[in-house]
C-alpha atoms as a PDB file:
ATOM      1  CA  MET A   1     -37.325  10.716 -40.061  1.00  0.00           C
ATOM      2  CA  ILE A   2     -40.234  12.086 -42.159  1.00  0.00           C
ATOM      3  CA  ARG A   3     -42.053   8.738 -41.961  1.00  0.00           C
ATOM      4  CA  LEU A   4     -41.655   8.715 -38.187  1.00  0.00           C
ATOM      5  CA  THR A   5     -43.135  12.221 -37.972  1.00  0.00           C
ATOM      6  CA  LYS A   6     -46.106  11.236 -40.143  1.00  0.00           C
ATOM      7  CA  LEU A   7     -46.675   8.117 -38.037  1.00  0.00           C
ATOM      8  CA  ALA A   8     -46.667  10.225 -34.864  1.00  0.00           C
ATOM      9  CA  LEU A   9     -49.273  12.566 -36.374  1.00  0.00           C
ATOM     10  CA  LYS A  10     -51.493   9.740 -37.621  1.00  0.00           C
ATOM     11  CA  ARG A  11     -51.309   7.554 -34.515  1.00  0.00           C
ATOM     12  CA  PRO A  12     -50.507   9.789 -31.528  1.00  0.00           C
ATOM     13  CA  VAL A  13     -52.070   7.375 -29.034  1.00  0.00           C
ATOM     14  CA  THR A  14     -49.791   4.531 -30.171  1.00  0.00           C
ATOM     15  CA  ILE A  15     -46.689   6.712 -29.882  1.00  0.00           C
ATOM     16  CA  ILE A  16     -47.688   7.910 -26.406  1.00  0.00           C
ATOM     17  CA  LEU A  17     -48.279   4.325 -25.231  1.00  0.00           C
ATOM     18  CA  CYS A  18     -44.848   3.307 -26.544  1.00  0.00           C
ATOM     19  CA  LEU A  19     -43.176   6.184 -24.720  1.00  0.00           C
ATOM     20  CA  VAL A  20     -45.034   5.403 -21.485  1.00  0.00           C
ATOM     21  CA  THR A  21     -43.994   1.736 -21.784  1.00  0.00           C
ATOM     22  CA  ILE A  22     -40.339   2.668 -22.298  1.00  0.00           C
ATOM     23  CA  VAL A  23     -40.369   5.063 -19.328  1.00  0.00           C
ATOM     24  CA  TYR A  24     -42.147   2.503 -17.117  1.00  0.00           C
ATOM     25  CA  PHE A  25     -39.736  -0.339 -17.787  1.00  0.00           C
ATOM     26  CA  GLY A  26     -36.780   2.013 -17.520  1.00  0.00           C
ATOM     27  CA  PHE A  27     -37.983   3.155 -14.105  1.00  0.00           C
ATOM     28  CA  GLN A  28     -38.536  -0.461 -13.008  1.00  0.00           C
ATOM     29  CA  SER A  29     -35.015  -1.401 -14.094  1.00  0.00           C
ATOM     30  CA  LEU A  30     -33.573   1.556 -12.203  1.00  0.00           C
ATOM     31  CA  MET A  31     -35.430   0.726  -9.000  1.00  0.00           C
ATOM     32  CA  GLY A  32     -34.500  -2.948  -9.241  1.00  0.00           C
ATOM     33  CA  ALA A  33     -30.834  -2.313  -9.898  1.00  0.00           C
ATOM     34  CA  ARG A  34     -28.461  -3.247  -7.093  1.00  0.00           C
ATOM     35  CA  MET A  35     -26.868  -0.158  -5.608  1.00  0.00           C
ATOM     36  CA  GLU A  36     -23.763  -0.236  -3.404  1.00  0.00           C
ATOM     37  CA  LEU A  37     -21.600   2.471  -1.903  1.00  0.00           C
ATOM     38  CA  ILE A  38     -18.507   0.511  -2.873  1.00  0.00           C
ATOM     39  CA  PRO A  39     -19.408  -2.262  -5.358  1.00  0.00           C
ATOM     40  CA  GLU A  40     -17.285  -5.381  -5.403  1.00  0.00           C
ATOM     41  CA  MET A  41     -14.502  -5.247  -7.974  1.00  0.00           C
ATOM     42  CA  GLU A  42     -11.925  -7.792  -9.029  1.00  0.00           C
ATOM     43  CA  LEU A  43      -8.548  -6.169  -9.592  1.00  0.00           C
ATOM     44  CA  PRO A  44      -6.519  -8.426 -11.925  1.00  0.00           C
ATOM     45  CA  MET A  45      -3.221  -7.972 -10.138  1.00  0.00           C
ATOM     46  CA  LEU A  46      -0.788 -10.274  -8.337  1.00  0.00           C
ATOM     47  CA  LEU A  47       2.198  -9.226  -6.241  1.00  0.00           C
ATOM     48  CA  ILE A  48       5.395 -11.179  -5.551  1.00  0.00           C
ATOM     49  CA  SER A  49       7.261 -10.245  -2.372  1.00  0.00           C
ATOM     50  CA  THR A  50      10.637 -11.850  -1.614  1.00  0.00           C
ATOM     51  CA  VAL A  51      12.754 -11.095   1.461  1.00  0.00           C
ATOM     52  CA  TYR A  52      16.541 -11.226   1.130  1.00  0.00           C
ATOM     53  CA  ALA A  53      17.849 -10.034   4.499  1.00  0.00           C
ATOM     54  CA  GLY A  54      21.081  -8.033   4.459  1.00  0.00           C
ATOM     55  CA  ALA A  55      21.162  -7.591   0.674  1.00  0.00           C
ATOM     56  CA  SER A  56      21.672  -4.253  -1.039  1.00  0.00           C
ATOM     57  CA  PRO A  57      19.219  -2.989  -3.685  1.00  0.00           C
ATOM     58  CA  ASP A  58      21.696  -3.896  -6.454  1.00  0.00           C
ATOM     59  CA  ASP A  59      22.031  -7.464  -5.177  1.00  0.00           C
ATOM     60  CA  VAL A  60      18.259  -7.785  -4.840  1.00  0.00           C
ATOM     61  CA  GLU A  61      17.811  -6.586  -8.428  1.00  0.00           C
ATOM     62  CA  GLU A  62      20.451  -8.900  -9.878  1.00  0.00           C
ATOM     63  CA  LEU A  63      19.864 -12.063  -7.838  1.00  0.00           C
ATOM     64  CA  ILE A  64      16.076 -11.996  -7.390  1.00  0.00           C
ATOM     65  CA  THR A  65      14.035  -9.346  -9.208  1.00  0.00           C
ATOM     66  CA  SER A  66      15.503  -9.760 -12.695  1.00  0.00           C
ATOM     67  CA  LYS A  67      15.110 -13.550 -12.581  1.00  0.00           C
ATOM     68  CA  GLN A  68      11.506 -13.284 -11.443  1.00  0.00           C
ATOM     69  CA  GLU A  69      10.752 -10.776 -14.213  1.00  0.00           C
ATOM     70  CA  ASP A  70      12.213 -13.155 -16.803  1.00  0.00           C
ATOM     71  CA  ALA A  71      10.001 -15.969 -15.513  1.00  0.00           C
ATOM     72  CA  VAL A  72       6.912 -13.731 -15.483  1.00  0.00           C
ATOM     73  CA  SER A  73       7.515 -12.634 -19.091  1.00  0.00           C
ATOM     74  CA  THR A  74       6.779 -16.189 -20.277  1.00  0.00           C
ATOM     75  CA  LEU A  75       3.220 -16.120 -18.870  1.00  0.00           C
ATOM     76  CA  SER A  76       0.139 -15.186 -20.910  1.00  0.00           C
ATOM     77  CA  GLY A  77      -2.556 -12.602 -20.213  1.00  0.00           C
ATOM     78  CA  ILE A  78      -0.185 -10.058 -18.659  1.00  0.00           C
ATOM     79  CA  ASP A  79      -0.713  -6.345 -19.292  1.00  0.00           C
ATOM     80  CA  THR A  80       2.157  -4.663 -17.415  1.00  0.00           C
ATOM     81  CA  VAL A  81       4.897  -5.608 -14.936  1.00  0.00           C
ATOM     82  CA  GLN A  82       6.461  -3.233 -12.397  1.00  0.00           C
ATOM     83  CA  SER A  83       9.271  -4.128 -10.017  1.00  0.00           C
ATOM     84  CA  TYR A  84      10.952  -2.518  -7.028  1.00  0.00           C
ATOM     85  CA  SER A  85      14.342  -3.663  -5.711  1.00  0.00           C
ATOM     86  CA  MET A  86      14.959  -2.299  -2.243  1.00  0.00           C
ATOM     87  CA  GLU A  87      17.277  -3.122   0.615  1.00  0.00           C
ATOM     88  CA  ASN A  88      16.303  -6.547   1.985  1.00  0.00           C
ATOM     89  CA  VAL A  89      13.242  -7.047  -0.243  1.00  0.00           C
ATOM     90  CA  SER A  90      12.075  -7.454  -3.839  1.00  0.00           C
ATOM     91  CA  VAL A  91       8.561  -6.577  -5.006  1.00  0.00           C
ATOM     92  CA  VAL A  92       7.157  -7.459  -8.436  1.00  0.00           C
ATOM     93  CA  MET A  93       3.658  -6.212  -9.335  1.00  0.00           C
ATOM     94  CA  ILE A  94       1.887  -7.960 -12.229  1.00  0.00           C
ATOM     95  CA  GLN A  95      -1.140  -6.344 -13.888  1.00  0.00           C
ATOM     96  CA  TYR A  96      -3.213  -8.821 -15.899  1.00  0.00           C
ATOM     97  CA  GLU A  97      -5.651  -8.098 -18.697  1.00  0.00           C
ATOM     98  CA  TYR A  98      -9.252  -7.641 -17.556  1.00  0.00           C
ATOM     99  CA  GLY A  99     -11.219 -10.836 -17.881  1.00  0.00           C
ATOM    100  CA  THR A 100      -8.279 -13.031 -16.899  1.00  0.00           C
ATOM    101  CA  ASN A 101      -9.128 -15.959 -14.620  1.00  0.00           C
ATOM    102  CA  MET A 102      -7.126 -14.977 -11.540  1.00  0.00           C
ATOM    103  CA  ASP A 103      -7.262 -18.440  -9.992  1.00  0.00           C
ATOM    104  CA  THR A 104      -5.538 -19.863 -13.056  1.00  0.00           C
ATOM    105  CA  ALA A 105      -3.144 -16.897 -13.172  1.00  0.00           C
ATOM    106  CA  TYR A 106      -2.160 -17.532  -9.546  1.00  0.00           C
ATOM    107  CA  ILE A 107      -1.454 -21.217 -10.227  1.00  0.00           C
ATOM    108  CA  ASN A 108       0.638 -20.430 -13.317  1.00  0.00           C
ATOM    109  CA  LEU A 109       2.604 -17.751 -11.472  1.00  0.00           C
ATOM    110  CA  LYS A 110       3.261 -20.138  -8.573  1.00  0.00           C
ATOM    111  CA  LYS A 111       4.582 -22.746 -11.016  1.00  0.00           C
ATOM    112  CA  ALA A 112       6.835 -20.136 -12.637  1.00  0.00           C
ATOM    113  CA  MET A 113       8.293 -19.130  -9.268  1.00  0.00           C
ATOM    114  CA  ASP A 114       8.810 -22.751  -8.261  1.00  0.00           C
ATOM    115  CA  GLY A 115      10.621 -23.319 -11.557  1.00  0.00           C
ATOM    116  CA  ILE A 116      13.321 -20.743 -10.751  1.00  0.00           C
ATOM    117  CA  GLN A 117      13.600 -21.467  -7.035  1.00  0.00           C
ATOM    118  CA  SER A 118      16.919 -23.276  -7.573  1.00  0.00           C
ATOM    119  CA  GLN A 119      18.346 -20.045  -9.051  1.00  0.00           C
ATOM    120  CA  MET A 120      17.516 -18.001  -5.959  1.00  0.00           C
ATOM    121  CA  PRO A 121      20.100 -17.335  -3.211  1.00  0.00           C
ATOM    122  CA  GLU A 122      19.999 -19.998  -0.514  1.00  0.00           C
ATOM    123  CA  ASP A 123      19.500 -17.464   2.286  1.00  0.00           C
ATOM    124  CA  ALA A 124      16.644 -15.660   0.506  1.00  0.00           C
ATOM    125  CA  GLY A 125      13.088 -16.284   1.634  1.00  0.00           C
ATOM    126  CA  ASP A 126      10.495 -18.057  -0.481  1.00  0.00           C
ATOM    127  CA  PRO A 127       8.517 -15.798  -2.854  1.00  0.00           C
ATOM    128  CA  ASN A 128       5.218 -14.744  -1.315  1.00  0.00           C
ATOM    129  CA  ILE A 129       2.442 -14.306  -3.903  1.00  0.00           C
ATOM    130  CA  LEU A 130      -0.411 -11.994  -2.900  1.00  0.00           C
ATOM    131  CA  GLU A 131      -3.632 -11.186  -4.729  1.00  0.00           C
ATOM    132  CA  MET A 132      -4.626  -7.517  -4.620  1.00  0.00           C
ATOM    133  CA  ASP A 133      -8.164  -7.569  -3.213  1.00  0.00           C
ATOM    134  CA  ILE A 134      -9.678  -4.099  -3.567  1.00  0.00           C
ATOM    135  CA  ASN A 135     -12.779  -5.278  -1.681  1.00  0.00           C
ATOM    136  CA  ALA A 136     -10.653  -5.832   1.427  1.00  0.00           C
ATOM    137  CA  MET A 137      -9.459  -2.234   1.472  1.00  0.00           C
ATOM    138  CA  PRO A 138     -10.823   0.072   4.184  1.00  0.00           C
ATOM    139  CA  SER A 139     -14.007   1.899   3.271  1.00  0.00           C
ATOM    140  CA  ILE A 140     -13.126   5.115   5.101  1.00  0.00           C
ATOM    141  CA  MET A 141      -9.745   6.637   5.937  1.00  0.00           C
ATOM    142  CA  LEU A 142      -9.559   9.520   8.410  1.00  0.00           C
ATOM    143  CA  SER A 143      -6.710  11.933   9.074  1.00  0.00           C
ATOM    144  CA  VAL A 144      -6.561  13.569  12.511  1.00  0.00           C
ATOM    145  CA  SER A 145      -4.640  16.708  13.425  1.00  0.00           C
ATOM    146  CA  GLY A 146      -4.879  19.346  16.102  1.00  0.00           C
ATOM    147  CA  ASN A 147      -3.596  20.556  19.439  1.00  0.00           C
ATOM    148  CA  VAL A 148      -4.947  18.253  22.140  1.00  0.00           C
ATOM    149  CA  GLY A 149      -2.380  19.104  24.801  1.00  0.00           C
ATOM    150  CA  THR A 150      -0.935  15.574  24.781  1.00  0.00           C
ATOM    151  CA  ASN A 151       0.454  12.972  22.396  1.00  0.00           C
ATOM    152  CA  LEU A 152      -1.930  12.974  19.423  1.00  0.00           C
ATOM    153  CA  TYR A 153      -1.392   9.260  18.771  1.00  0.00           C
ATOM    154  CA  THR A 154      -2.329   8.400  22.357  1.00  0.00           C
ATOM    155  CA  TYR A 155      -5.379  10.663  22.208  1.00  0.00           C
ATOM    156  CA  VAL A 156      -6.664   9.042  19.014  1.00  0.00           C
ATOM    157  CA  GLU A 157      -5.953   5.545  20.342  1.00  0.00           C
ATOM    158  CA  ASN A 158      -7.720   6.105  23.666  1.00  0.00           C
ATOM    159  CA  GLN A 159     -10.515   8.505  22.712  1.00  0.00           C
ATOM    160  CA  ILE A 160     -11.436   8.211  19.027  1.00  0.00           C
ATOM    161  CA  VAL A 161     -10.755   4.565  18.143  1.00  0.00           C
ATOM    162  CA  PRO A 162     -12.985   3.135  20.930  1.00  0.00           C
ATOM    163  CA  GLU A 163     -15.879   5.339  19.787  1.00  0.00           C
ATOM    164  CA  LEU A 164     -15.546   4.112  16.200  1.00  0.00           C
ATOM    165  CA  GLU A 165     -15.343   0.491  17.333  1.00  0.00           C
ATOM    166  CA  ARG A 166     -18.685   0.853  19.130  1.00  0.00           C
ATOM    167  CA  LEU A 167     -20.469   1.468  15.815  1.00  0.00           C
ATOM    168  CA  SER A 168     -22.334  -1.650  14.702  1.00  0.00           C
ATOM    169  CA  ALA A 169     -21.433  -1.180  11.023  1.00  0.00           C
ATOM    170  CA  VAL A 170     -17.684  -1.008  11.716  1.00  0.00           C
ATOM    171  CA  GLY A 171     -15.839  -4.299  11.394  1.00  0.00           C
ATOM    172  CA  GLU A 172     -12.314  -3.152  12.208  1.00  0.00           C
ATOM    173  CA  VAL A 173     -10.429   0.031  13.065  1.00  0.00           C
ATOM    174  CA  SER A 174      -6.682   0.273  12.486  1.00  0.00           C
ATOM    175  CA  LEU A 175      -4.402   3.138  13.499  1.00  0.00           C
ATOM    176  CA  ALA A 176      -1.288   4.170  11.596  1.00  0.00           C
ATOM    177  CA  GLY A 177       1.128   7.085  11.684  1.00  0.00           C
ATOM    178  CA  GLY A 178       2.320   9.221  14.538  1.00  0.00           C
ATOM    179  CA  GLN A 179       4.453   8.152  17.462  1.00  0.00           C
ATOM    180  CA  GLN A 180       3.142   6.397  20.507  1.00  0.00           C
ATOM    181  CA  ASP A 181       6.023   7.440  22.757  1.00  0.00           C
ATOM    182  CA  TYR A 182       8.219  10.494  22.578  1.00  0.00           C
ATOM    183  CA  VAL A 183      10.461  12.627  24.769  1.00  0.00           C
ATOM    184  CA  ARG A 184       9.774  16.313  25.208  1.00  0.00           C
ATOM    185  CA  VAL A 185      12.906  18.426  25.690  1.00  0.00           C
ATOM    186  CA  GLU A 186      12.557  21.808  27.407  1.00  0.00           C
ATOM    187  CA  LEU A 187      15.488  24.176  27.062  1.00  0.00           C
ATOM    188  CA  MET A 188      16.597  26.736  29.648  1.00  0.00           C
ATOM    189  CA  ALA A 189      16.974  30.190  28.161  1.00  0.00           C
ATOM    190  CA  ASP A 190      19.789  31.220  30.514  1.00  0.00           C
ATOM    191  CA  LYS A 191      21.858  28.144  29.609  1.00  0.00           C
ATOM    192  CA  LEU A 192      21.362  28.789  25.907  1.00  0.00           C
ATOM    193  CA  GLU A 193      22.613  32.329  26.369  1.00  0.00           C
ATOM    194  CA  GLN A 194      25.511  31.183  28.549  1.00  0.00           C
ATOM    195  CA  TYR A 195      26.795  28.721  25.936  1.00  0.00           C
ATOM    196  CA  HIS A 196      25.818  30.908  22.979  1.00  0.00           C
ATOM    197  CA  LEU A 197      23.492  28.287  21.511  1.00  0.00           C
ATOM    198  CA  THR A 198      20.227  28.532  19.634  1.00  0.00           C
ATOM    199  CA  MET A 199      17.309  26.093  19.685  1.00  0.00           C
ATOM    200  CA  ASN A 200      18.125  24.994  16.135  1.00  0.00           C
ATOM    201  CA  GLN A 201      21.718  24.219  17.074  1.00  0.00           C
ATOM    202  CA  VAL A 202      20.598  22.068  20.007  1.00  0.00           C
ATOM    203  CA  ALA A 203      18.125  20.229  17.787  1.00  0.00           C
ATOM    204  CA  GLN A 204      20.877  19.548  15.248  1.00  0.00           C
ATOM    205  CA  LEU A 205      23.223  18.232  17.949  1.00  0.00           C
ATOM    206  CA  VAL A 206      20.558  15.903  19.321  1.00  0.00           C
ATOM    207  CA  GLY A 207      19.688  14.638  15.856  1.00  0.00           C
ATOM    208  CA  ALA A 208      23.345  14.148  14.889  1.00  0.00           C
ATOM    209  CA  ALA A 209      23.858  11.730  17.792  1.00  0.00           C
ATOM    210  CA  ASP A 210      21.033   9.510  16.493  1.00  0.00           C
ATOM    211  CA  PHE A 211      22.307   8.152  13.196  1.00  0.00           C
ATOM    212  CA  THR A 212      22.760   5.222  10.855  1.00  0.00           C
ATOM    213  CA  VAL A 213      25.725   5.319   8.460  1.00  0.00           C
ATOM    214  CA  PRO A 214      27.108   2.817   5.932  1.00  0.00           C
ATOM    215  CA  ALA A 215      30.324   1.073   6.997  1.00  0.00           C
ATOM    216  CA  GLY A 216      31.347  -0.587   3.754  1.00  0.00           C
ATOM    217  CA  SER A 217      30.654  -4.135   2.690  1.00  0.00           C
ATOM    218  CA  VAL A 218      31.692  -7.675   3.523  1.00  0.00           C
ATOM    219  CA  ASP A 219      32.441 -10.242   0.828  1.00  0.00           C
ATOM    220  CA  GLU A 220      31.194 -13.744   1.536  1.00  0.00           C
ATOM    221  CA  GLY A 221      31.796 -16.151  -1.294  1.00  0.00           C
ATOM    222  CA  ASP A 222      30.353 -14.649  -4.446  1.00  0.00           C
ATOM    223  CA  GLN A 223      28.112 -12.277  -2.502  1.00  0.00           C
ATOM    224  CA  SER A 224      28.772  -8.785  -1.175  1.00  0.00           C
ATOM    225  CA  LEU A 225      26.739  -7.673   1.856  1.00  0.00           C
ATOM    226  CA  ASP A 226      26.354  -4.041   2.926  1.00  0.00           C
ATOM    227  CA  VAL A 227      27.236  -3.186   6.529  1.00  0.00           C
ATOM    228  CA  SER A 228      25.876  -0.198   8.454  1.00  0.00           C
ATOM    229  CA  VAL A 229      26.583   1.239  11.908  1.00  0.00           C
ATOM    230  CA  ALA A 230      23.763   2.707  13.975  1.00  0.00           C
ATOM    231  CA  ASN A 231      23.537   4.673  17.192  1.00  0.00           C
ATOM    232  CA  ASP A 232      20.199   5.601  18.709  1.00  0.00           C
ATOM    233  CA  TYR A 233      18.611   6.641  21.980  1.00  0.00           C
ATOM    234  CA  ASP A 234      17.193   3.581  23.710  1.00  0.00           C
ATOM    235  CA  SER A 235      16.325   5.393  26.952  1.00  0.00           C
ATOM    236  CA  VAL A 236      15.781   8.848  28.401  1.00  0.00           C
ATOM    237  CA  GLU A 237      19.041   8.465  30.330  1.00  0.00           C
ATOM    238  CA  SER A 238      21.049   7.970  27.131  1.00  0.00           C
ATOM    239  CA  LEU A 239      19.486  11.137  25.708  1.00  0.00           C
ATOM    240  CA  GLU A 240      20.388  13.089  28.834  1.00  0.00           C
END
């Protein structure tokens, strides 16, 4: 440190030139660096989705998910594995170590799934392997709320979406959430008073008539399938 101080005092011009050179090349590197709002990223993750129609979560876990997890555990380069066994579908998410060749990982995973295909239920669908592409995710997500005097979904679909689609930089606009069609029920105050009902009671009665309840299970061979009974409003007349 002392030698550096002495050198700076003896040769100040040399030190200044060195500093100017460092700043210059640093500035040039900064200006030449590629800048992106959302830089491309490779997310080392694969997802296995398998449909097993009519199966309960327990059956999905036992007959599909657990077997796929066992097959995945034999592969190399895997960081973590998460699985979800739901009614009718199994989802296995595989996080690989960064730097893993995902093309090779996909091929190895496909071979592993093909190797246990004979162990899968005959009426289950083929495993669908998806690569999580973060670059394909939407750049901007908007949430819309407010009182527009009409169905909010219809307003957004007819008024906002077309305006966004006109922008030259927009490749695609997708709409999710809300309800496209609904029935508005207006209650008569005198009838409520006559039958000693409140608005909450009417809402509960309407909701109670639209239901889905389990109705036991049916055994077919070595499989047990859950059965449910549903009743819903398929028209305004049925609601009335």
